[in-house]
């Protein structure tokens, strides 16, 4: 599974989210490759799951494979959101 973590500008927050998602996926036992970028540069990128913070909800509303998280550092919350999305 390919996961893309996005933030508004592609700076540090998407990298922090990437690390949190990697930890959450490992704890869930899901094998994946995780990348990060800015929301404005993600067009054309291939991914199975997109993970983003709450501030990008409207920007990503046209996508159906998105998990929106309330915190980019709370691994337990991220893990639960991904678990619900994947139905595992």
PDB file of N, CA and C in Angstrom:
ATOM      1  N   UNK A   1       0.852  -1.171   0.000  1.00  0.00           N
ATOM      2  CA  UNK A   1       0.000   0.000   0.000  1.00  0.00           C
ATOM      3  C   UNK A   1       0.896   1.231   0.000  1.00  0.00           C
ATOM      4  N   UNK A   2       0.528   2.209  -0.814  1.00  0.00           N
ATOM      5  CA  UNK A   2       1.264   3.469  -0.868  1.00  0.00           C
ATOM      6  C   UNK A   2       0.430   4.549  -0.177  1.00  0.00           C
ATOM      7  N   UNK A   3       1.035   5.210   0.804  1.00  0.00           N
ATOM      8  CA  UNK A   3       0.363   6.240   1.586  1.00  0.00           C
ATOM      9  C   UNK A   3       1.056   7.570   1.323  1.00  0.00           C
ATOM     10  N   UNK A   4       0.264   8.604   1.116  1.00  0.00           N
ATOM     11  CA  UNK A   4       0.798   9.949   0.919  1.00  0.00           C
ATOM     12  C   UNK A   4       0.295  10.844   2.040  1.00  0.00           C
ATOM     13  N   UNK A   5       1.222  11.470   2.741  1.00  0.00           N
ATOM     14  CA  UNK A   5       0.882  12.417   3.811  1.00  0.00           C
ATOM     15  C   UNK A   5       1.077  13.826   3.262  1.00  0.00           C
ATOM     16  N   UNK A   6       0.063  14.666   3.439  1.00  0.00           N
ATOM     17  CA  UNK A   6       0.151  16.020   2.894  1.00  0.00           C
ATOM     18  C   UNK A   6      -0.120  17.071   3.962  1.00  0.00           C
ATOM     19  N   UNK A   7       0.489  18.223   3.731  1.00  0.00           N
ATOM     20  CA  UNK A   7       0.215  19.395   4.558  1.00  0.00           C
ATOM     21  C   UNK A   7       0.063  20.571   3.608  1.00  0.00           C
ATOM     22  N   UNK A   8      -0.202  21.710   4.153  1.00  0.00           N
ATOM     23  CA  UNK A   8      -0.457  22.881   3.324  1.00  0.00           C
ATOM     24  C   UNK A   8       0.727  23.356   2.518  1.00  0.00           C
ATOM     25  N   UNK A   9       1.943  23.263   3.080  1.00  0.00           N
ATOM     26  CA  UNK A   9       3.112  23.813   2.409  1.00  0.00           C
ATOM     27  C   UNK A   9       4.213  22.800   2.131  1.00  0.00           C
ATOM     28  N   UNK A  10       4.094  21.579   2.623  1.00  0.00           N
ATOM     29  CA  UNK A  10       5.108  20.561   2.373  1.00  0.00           C
ATOM     30  C   UNK A  10       6.363  20.734   3.195  1.00  0.00           C
ATOM     31  N   UNK A  11       6.244  21.455   4.262  1.00  0.00           N
ATOM     32  CA  UNK A  11       7.396  21.690   5.125  1.00  0.00           C
ATOM     33  C   UNK A  11       7.451  20.597   6.186  1.00  0.00           C
ATOM     34  N   UNK A  12       7.727  20.955   7.403  1.00  0.00           N
ATOM     35  CA  UNK A  12       7.928  19.987   8.466  1.00  0.00           C
ATOM     36  C   UNK A  12       6.708  19.204   8.894  1.00  0.00           C
ATOM     37  N   UNK A  13       5.520  19.775   8.778  1.00  0.00           N
ATOM     38  CA  UNK A  13       4.348  19.073   9.299  1.00  0.00           C
ATOM     39  C   UNK A  13       4.025  17.804   8.519  1.00  0.00           C
ATOM     40  N   UNK A  14       4.257  17.794   7.219  1.00  0.00           N
ATOM     41  CA  UNK A  14       3.994  16.556   6.461  1.00  0.00           C
ATOM     42  C   UNK A  14       5.025  15.484   6.808  1.00  0.00           C
ATOM     43  N   UNK A  15       6.243  15.875   7.130  1.00  0.00           N
ATOM     44  CA  UNK A  15       7.260  14.921   7.555  1.00  0.00           C
ATOM     45  C   UNK A  15       6.913  14.340   8.922  1.00  0.00           C
ATOM     46  N   UNK A  16       6.442  15.177   9.829  1.00  0.00           N
ATOM     47  CA  UNK A  16       6.015  14.700  11.149  1.00  0.00           C
ATOM     48  C   UNK A  16       4.845  13.735  10.991  1.00  0.00           C
ATOM     49  N   UNK A  17       3.877  14.089  10.150  1.00  0.00           N
ATOM     50  CA  UNK A  17       2.735  13.221   9.896  1.00  0.00           C
ATOM     51  C   UNK A  17       3.198  11.899   9.289  1.00  0.00           C
ATOM     52  N   UNK A  18       4.144  11.937   8.372  1.00  0.00           N
ATOM     53  CA  UNK A  18       4.690  10.725   7.750  1.00  0.00           C
ATOM     54  C   UNK A  18       5.235   9.786   8.818  1.00  0.00           C
ATOM     55  N   UNK A  19       6.022  10.319   9.732  1.00  0.00           N
ATOM     56  CA  UNK A  19       6.608   9.484  10.786  1.00  0.00           C
ATOM     57  C   UNK A  19       5.521   8.894  11.681  1.00  0.00           C
ATOM     58  N   UNK A  20       4.508   9.670  11.997  1.00  0.00           N
ATOM     59  CA  UNK A  20       3.399   9.180  12.817  1.00  0.00           C
ATOM     60  C   UNK A  20       2.618   8.091  12.095  1.00  0.00           C
ATOM     61  N   UNK A  21       2.373   8.286  10.805  1.00  0.00           N
ATOM     62  CA  UNK A  21       1.644   7.297  10.013  1.00  0.00           C
ATOM     63  C   UNK A  21       2.453   6.006   9.916  1.00  0.00           C
ATOM     64  N   UNK A  22       3.753   6.109   9.700  1.00  0.00           N
ATOM     65  CA  UNK A  22       4.597   4.912   9.638  1.00  0.00           C
ATOM     66  C   UNK A  22       4.499   4.112  10.939  1.00  0.00           C
ATOM     67  N   UNK A  23       4.531   4.796  12.063  1.00  0.00           N
ATOM     68  CA  UNK A  23       4.401   4.120  13.355  1.00  0.00           C
ATOM     69  C   UNK A  23       3.035   3.470  13.499  1.00  0.00           C
ATOM     70  N   UNK A  24       1.985   4.198  13.135  1.00  0.00           N
ATOM     71  CA  UNK A  24       0.621   3.670  13.237  1.00  0.00           C
ATOM     72  C   UNK A  24       0.440   2.438  12.350  1.00  0.00           C
ATOM     73  N   UNK A  25       0.927   2.505  11.132  1.00  0.00           N
ATOM     74  CA  UNK A  25       0.783   1.377  10.203  1.00  0.00           C
ATOM     75  C   UNK A  25       1.565   0.164  10.686  1.00  0.00           C
ATOM     76  N   UNK A  26       2.735   0.395  11.247  1.00  0.00           N
ATOM     77  CA  UNK A  26       3.524  -0.710  11.797  1.00  0.00           C
ATOM     78  C   UNK A  26       2.763  -1.376  12.937  1.00  0.00           C
ATOM     79  N   UNK A  27       2.183  -0.555  13.823  1.00  0.00           N
ATOM     80  CA  UNK A  27       1.400  -1.092  14.938  1.00  0.00           C
ATOM     81  C   UNK A  27       0.167  -1.846  14.450  1.00  0.00           C
ATOM     82  N   UNK A  28      -0.394  -1.421  13.330  1.00  0.00           N
ATOM     83  CA  UNK A  28      -1.555  -2.104  12.748  1.00  0.00           C
ATOM     84  C   UNK A  28      -1.156  -3.349  11.955  1.00  0.00           C
ATOM     85  N   UNK A  29       0.132  -3.496  11.688  1.00  0.00           N
ATOM     86  CA  UNK A  29       0.605  -4.633  10.920  1.00  0.00           C
ATOM     87  C   UNK A  29       0.363  -4.503   9.431  1.00  0.00           C
ATOM     88  N   UNK A  30       0.261  -3.259   8.956  1.00  0.00           N
ATOM     89  CA  UNK A  30       0.003  -3.006   7.538  1.00  0.00           C
ATOM     90  C   UNK A  30       1.307  -2.593   6.868  1.00  0.00           C
ATOM     91  N   UNK A  31       1.692  -3.346   5.861  1.00  0.00           N
ATOM     92  CA  UNK A  31       2.894  -3.035   5.106  1.00  0.00           C
ATOM     93  C   UNK A  31       2.594  -1.877   4.155  1.00  0.00           C
ATOM     94  N   UNK A  32       3.452  -0.863   4.170  1.00  0.00           N
ATOM     95  CA  UNK A  32       3.193   0.282   3.304  1.00  0.00           C
ATOM     96  C   UNK A  32       4.465   1.063   3.035  1.00  0.00           C
ATOM     97  N   UNK A  33       4.365   1.903   2.025  1.00  0.00           N
ATOM     98  CA  UNK A  33       5.397   2.878   1.694  1.00  0.00           C
ATOM     99  C   UNK A  33       4.755   4.239   1.924  1.00  0.00           C
ATOM    100  N   UNK A  34       5.403   5.092   2.703  1.00  0.00           N
ATOM    101  CA  UNK A  34       4.818   6.390   3.045  1.00  0.00           C
ATOM    102  C   UNK A  34       5.695   7.511   2.497  1.00  0.00           C
ATOM    103  N   UNK A  35       5.056   8.439   1.789  1.00  0.00           N
ATOM    104  CA  UNK A  35       5.727   9.632   1.282  1.00  0.00           C
ATOM    105  C   UNK A  35       5.015  10.860   1.827  1.00  0.00           C
ATOM    106  N   UNK A  36       5.660  12.015   1.706  1.00  0.00           N
ATOM    107  CA  UNK A  36       5.020  13.256   2.152  1.00  0.00           C
ATOM    108  C   UNK A  36       5.289  14.372   1.155  1.00  0.00           C
ATOM    109  N   UNK A  37       4.335  15.302   1.082  1.00  0.00           N
ATOM    110  CA  UNK A  37       4.454  16.437   0.162  1.00  0.00           C
ATOM    111  C   UNK A  37       3.456  17.520   0.549  1.00  0.00           C
ATOM    112  N   UNK A  38       3.518  18.625  -0.153  1.00  0.00           N
ATOM    113  CA  UNK A  38       2.535  19.701   0.017  1.00  0.00           C
ATOM    114  C   UNK A  38       1.284  19.367  -0.786  1.00  0.00           C
ATOM    115  N   UNK A  39       0.139  19.797  -0.306  1.00  0.00           N
ATOM    116  CA  UNK A  39      -1.129  19.525  -0.991  1.00  0.00           C
ATOM    117  C   UNK A  39      -1.114  20.065  -2.420  1.00  0.00           C
ATOM    118  N   UNK A  40      -0.475  21.184  -2.638  1.00  0.00           N
ATOM    119  CA  UNK A  40      -0.448  21.792  -3.960  1.00  0.00           C
ATOM    120  C   UNK A  40       0.412  21.063  -4.974  1.00  0.00           C
ATOM    121  N   UNK A  41       1.258  20.134  -4.518  1.00  0.00           N
ATOM    122  CA  UNK A  41       2.136  19.412  -5.439  1.00  0.00           C
ATOM    123  C   UNK A  41       1.782  17.928  -5.558  1.00  0.00           C
ATOM    124  N   UNK A  42       0.655  17.521  -4.993  1.00  0.00           N
ATOM    125  CA  UNK A  42       0.307  16.103  -4.976  1.00  0.00           C
ATOM    126  C   UNK A  42      -0.389  15.611  -6.243  1.00  0.00           C
ATOM    127  N   UNK A  43      -0.886  16.514  -7.059  1.00  0.00           N
ATOM    128  CA  UNK A  43      -1.581  16.102  -8.277  1.00  0.00           C
ATOM    129  C   UNK A  43      -0.641  15.266  -9.144  1.00  0.00           C
ATOM    130  N   UNK A  44      -1.161  14.168  -9.644  1.00  0.00           N
ATOM    131  CA  UNK A  44      -0.372  13.277 -10.479  1.00  0.00           C
ATOM    132  C   UNK A  44       0.377  12.211  -9.702  1.00  0.00           C
ATOM    133  N   UNK A  45       0.468  12.365  -8.387  1.00  0.00           N
ATOM    134  CA  UNK A  45       1.142  11.354  -7.573  1.00  0.00           C
ATOM    135  C   UNK A  45       0.203  10.177  -7.376  1.00  0.00           C
ATOM    136  N   UNK A  46       0.764   8.997  -7.347  1.00  0.00           N
ATOM    137  CA  UNK A  46      -0.033   7.781  -7.169  1.00  0.00           C
ATOM    138  C   UNK A  46       0.029   7.352  -5.705  1.00  0.00           C
ATOM    139  N   UNK A  47      -1.145   7.053  -5.144  1.00  0.00           N
ATOM    140  CA  UNK A  47      -1.226   6.611  -3.757  1.00  0.00           C
ATOM    141  C   UNK A  47      -2.521   5.842  -3.565  1.00  0.00           C
ATOM    142  N   UNK A  48      -2.519   4.986  -2.559  1.00  0.00           N
ATOM    143  CA  UNK A  48      -3.719   4.231  -2.210  1.00  0.00           C
ATOM    144  C   UNK A  48      -4.501   4.930  -1.110  1.00  0.00           C
ATOM    145  N   UNK A  49      -3.777   5.643  -0.260  1.00  0.00           N
ATOM    146  CA  UNK A  49      -4.390   6.333   0.880  1.00  0.00           C
ATOM    147  C   UNK A  49      -3.713   7.676   1.063  1.00  0.00           C
ATOM    148  N   UNK A  50      -4.504   8.684   1.280  1.00  0.00           N
ATOM    149  CA  UNK A  50      -4.018  10.030   1.532  1.00  0.00           C
ATOM    150  C   UNK A  50      -4.341  10.372   2.974  1.00  0.00           C
ATOM    151  N   UNK A  51      -3.342  10.838   3.726  1.00  0.00           N
ATOM    152  CA  UNK A  51      -3.550  11.226   5.122  1.00  0.00           C
ATOM    153  C   UNK A  51      -3.198  12.701   5.259  1.00  0.00           C
ATOM    154  N   UNK A  52      -4.103  13.460   5.869  1.00  0.00           N
ATOM    155  CA  UNK A  52      -3.906  14.904   6.003  1.00  0.00           C
ATOM    156  C   UNK A  52      -4.518  15.397   7.300  1.00  0.00           C
ATOM    157  N   UNK A  53      -4.079  16.562   7.721  1.00  0.00           N
ATOM    158  CA  UNK A  53      -4.615  17.199   8.921  1.00  0.00           C
ATOM    159  C   UNK A  53      -5.944  17.883   8.611  1.00  0.00           C
ATOM    160  N   UNK A  54      -6.664  18.160   9.649  1.00  0.00           N
ATOM    161  CA  UNK A  54      -8.009  18.754   9.570  1.00  0.00           C
ATOM    162  C   UNK A  54      -8.064  20.018   8.715  1.00  0.00           C
ATOM    163  N   UNK A  55      -7.018  20.823   8.718  1.00  0.00           N
ATOM    164  CA  UNK A  55      -7.046  22.090   7.977  1.00  0.00           C
ATOM    165  C   UNK A  55      -7.126  21.907   6.455  1.00  0.00           C
ATOM    166  N   UNK A  56      -6.920  20.681   5.971  1.00  0.00           N
ATOM    167  CA  UNK A  56      -7.005  20.426   4.534  1.00  0.00           C
ATOM    168  C   UNK A  56      -8.291  19.713   4.124  1.00  0.00           C
ATOM    169  N   UNK A  57      -9.204  19.536   5.068  1.00  0.00           N
ATOM    170  CA  UNK A  57     -10.439  18.795   4.784  1.00  0.00           C
ATOM    171  C   UNK A  57     -11.157  19.327   3.540  1.00  0.00           C
ATOM    172  N   UNK A  58     -11.394  20.616   3.474  1.00  0.00           N
ATOM    173  CA  UNK A  58     -12.118  21.185   2.326  1.00  0.00           C
ATOM    174  C   UNK A  58     -11.339  21.031   1.030  1.00  0.00           C
ATOM    175  N   UNK A  59     -10.045  21.247   1.085  1.00  0.00           N
ATOM    176  CA  UNK A  59      -9.189  21.150  -0.101  1.00  0.00           C
ATOM    177  C   UNK A  59      -9.217  19.741  -0.692  1.00  0.00           C
ATOM    178  N   UNK A  60      -9.416  18.733   0.157  1.00  0.00           N
ATOM    179  CA  UNK A  60      -9.377  17.338  -0.274  1.00  0.00           C
ATOM    180  C   UNK A  60     -10.756  16.697  -0.366  1.00  0.00           C
ATOM    181  N   UNK A  61     -11.803  17.497  -0.291  1.00  0.00           N
ATOM    182  CA  UNK A  61     -13.163  16.959  -0.240  1.00  0.00           C
ATOM    183  C   UNK A  61     -13.575  16.195  -1.500  1.00  0.00           C
ATOM    184  N   UNK A  62     -12.868  16.395  -2.596  1.00  0.00           N
ATOM    185  CA  UNK A  62     -13.206  15.681  -3.836  1.00  0.00           C
ATOM    186  C   UNK A  62     -12.547  14.305  -3.932  1.00  0.00           C
ATOM    187  N   UNK A  63     -11.759  13.943  -2.947  1.00  0.00           N
ATOM    188  CA  UNK A  63     -11.064  12.659  -2.938  1.00  0.00           C
ATOM    189  C   UNK A  63     -11.813  11.685  -2.040  1.00  0.00           C
ATOM    190  N   UNK A  64     -11.810  10.405  -2.421  1.00  0.00           N
ATOM    191  CA  UNK A  64     -12.544   9.430  -1.617  1.00  0.00           C
ATOM    192  C   UNK A  64     -11.645   8.503  -0.807  1.00  0.00           C
ATOM    193  N   UNK A  65     -10.350   8.580  -0.974  1.00  0.00           N
ATOM    194  CA  UNK A  65      -9.436   7.721  -0.231  1.00  0.00           C
ATOM    195  C   UNK A  65      -8.578   8.533   0.737  1.00  0.00           C
ATOM    196  N   UNK A  66      -9.259   9.338   1.558  1.00  0.00           N
ATOM    197  CA  UNK A  66      -8.598  10.269   2.460  1.00  0.00           C
ATOM    198  C   UNK A  66      -8.941   9.956   3.914  1.00  0.00           C
ATOM    199  N   UNK A  67      -7.914  10.012   4.746  1.00  0.00           N
ATOM    200  CA  UNK A  67      -8.107   9.968   6.192  1.00  0.00           C
ATOM    201  C   UNK A  67      -7.678  11.324   6.722  1.00  0.00           C
ATOM    202  N   UNK A  68      -8.592  12.016   7.371  1.00  0.00           N
ATOM    203  CA  UNK A  68      -8.302  13.309   7.991  1.00  0.00           C
ATOM    204  C   UNK A  68      -8.038  13.059   9.470  1.00  0.00           C
ATOM    205  N   UNK A  69      -6.926  13.608   9.965  1.00  0.00           N
ATOM    206  CA  UNK A  69      -6.572  13.417  11.371  1.00  0.00           C
ATOM    207  C   UNK A  69      -6.606  14.752  12.099  1.00  0.00           C
ATOM    208  N   UNK A  70      -6.960  14.700  13.366  1.00  0.00           N
ATOM    209  CA  UNK A  70      -7.052  15.926  14.156  1.00  0.00           C
ATOM    210  C   UNK A  70      -5.692  16.362  14.695  1.00  0.00           C
ATOM    211  N   UNK A  71      -4.753  15.436  14.787  1.00  0.00           N
ATOM    212  CA  UNK A  71      -3.410  15.750  15.277  1.00  0.00           C
ATOM    213  C   UNK A  71      -2.393  14.965  14.470  1.00  0.00           C
ATOM    214  N   UNK A  72      -1.310  15.619  14.074  1.00  0.00           N
ATOM    215  CA  UNK A  72      -0.287  14.939  13.289  1.00  0.00           C
ATOM    216  C   UNK A  72       0.712  14.188  14.163  1.00  0.00           C
ATOM    217  N   UNK A  73       0.601  14.334  15.476  1.00  0.00           N
ATOM    218  CA  UNK A  73       1.552  13.689  16.377  1.00  0.00           C
ATOM    219  C   UNK A  73       0.941  12.621  17.276  1.00  0.00           C
ATOM    220  N   UNK A  74      -0.357  12.543  17.362  1.00  0.00           N
ATOM    221  CA  UNK A  74      -1.004  11.557  18.228  1.00  0.00           C
ATOM    222  C   UNK A  74      -1.188  10.248  17.470  1.00  0.00           C
ATOM    223  N   UNK A  75      -0.190   9.377  17.605  1.00  0.00           N
ATOM    224  CA  UNK A  75      -0.171   8.126  16.851  1.00  0.00           C
ATOM    225  C   UNK A  75      -1.417   7.284  17.137  1.00  0.00           C
ATOM    226  N   UNK A  76      -1.852   7.243  18.384  1.00  0.00           N
ATOM    227  CA  UNK A  76      -3.037   6.432  18.730  1.00  0.00           C
ATOM    228  C   UNK A  76      -4.268   6.910  17.964  1.00  0.00           C
ATOM    229  N   UNK A  77      -4.452   8.217  17.853  1.00  0.00           N
ATOM    230  CA  UNK A  77      -5.592   8.763  17.115  1.00  0.00           C
ATOM    231  C   UNK A  77      -5.468   8.487  15.620  1.00  0.00           C
ATOM    232  N   UNK A  78      -4.261   8.637  15.096  1.00  0.00           N
ATOM    233  CA  UNK A  78      -4.018   8.368  13.677  1.00  0.00           C
ATOM    234  C   UNK A  78      -4.279   6.898  13.387  1.00  0.00           C
ATOM    235  N   UNK A  79      -3.783   6.033  14.259  1.00  0.00           N
ATOM    236  CA  UNK A  79      -3.981   4.596  14.091  1.00  0.00           C
ATOM    237  C   UNK A  79      -5.467   4.243  14.076  1.00  0.00           C
ATOM    238  N   UNK A  80      -6.233   4.835  14.978  1.00  0.00           N
ATOM    239  CA  UNK A  80      -7.665   4.557  15.034  1.00  0.00           C
ATOM    240  C   UNK A  80      -8.376   5.050  13.772  1.00  0.00           C
ATOM    241  N   UNK A  81      -8.003   6.225  13.280  1.00  0.00           N
ATOM    242  CA  UNK A  81      -8.614   6.757  12.052  1.00  0.00           C
ATOM    243  C   UNK A  81      -8.302   5.867  10.853  1.00  0.00           C
ATOM    244  N   UNK A  82      -7.066   5.395  10.769  1.00  0.00           N
ATOM    245  CA  UNK A  82      -6.684   4.505   9.667  1.00  0.00           C
ATOM    246  C   UNK A  82      -7.379   3.157   9.816  1.00  0.00           C
ATOM    247  N   UNK A  83      -7.457   2.657  11.050  1.00  0.00           N
ATOM    248  CA  UNK A  83      -8.150   1.378  11.291  1.00  0.00           C
ATOM    249  C   UNK A  83      -9.609   1.465  10.828  1.00  0.00           C
ATOM    250  N   UNK A  84     -10.271   2.560  11.139  1.00  0.00           N
ATOM    251  CA  UNK A  84     -11.664   2.743  10.720  1.00  0.00           C
ATOM    252  C   UNK A  84     -11.765   2.796   9.195  1.00  0.00           C
ATOM    253  N   UNK A  85     -10.852   3.522   8.554  1.00  0.00           N
ATOM    254  CA  UNK A  85     -10.881   3.625   7.099  1.00  0.00           C
ATOM    255  C   UNK A  85     -10.648   2.270   6.433  1.00  0.00           C
ATOM    256  N   UNK A  86      -9.655   1.518   6.938  1.00  0.00           N
ATOM    257  CA  UNK A  86      -9.315   0.216   6.352  1.00  0.00           C
ATOM    258  C   UNK A  86     -10.246  -0.898   6.806  1.00  0.00           C
ATOM    259  N   UNK A  87     -11.063  -0.605   7.818  1.00  0.00           N
ATOM    260  CA  UNK A  87     -11.988  -1.592   8.380  1.00  0.00           C
ATOM    261  C   UNK A  87     -11.264  -2.836   8.877  1.00  0.00           C
ATOM    262  N   UNK A  88     -10.210  -2.581   9.679  1.00  0.00           N
ATOM    263  CA  UNK A  88      -9.457  -3.712  10.264  1.00  0.00           C
ATOM    264  C   UNK A  88      -9.505  -3.668  11.781  1.00  0.00           C
TER     265      UNK A  88
END
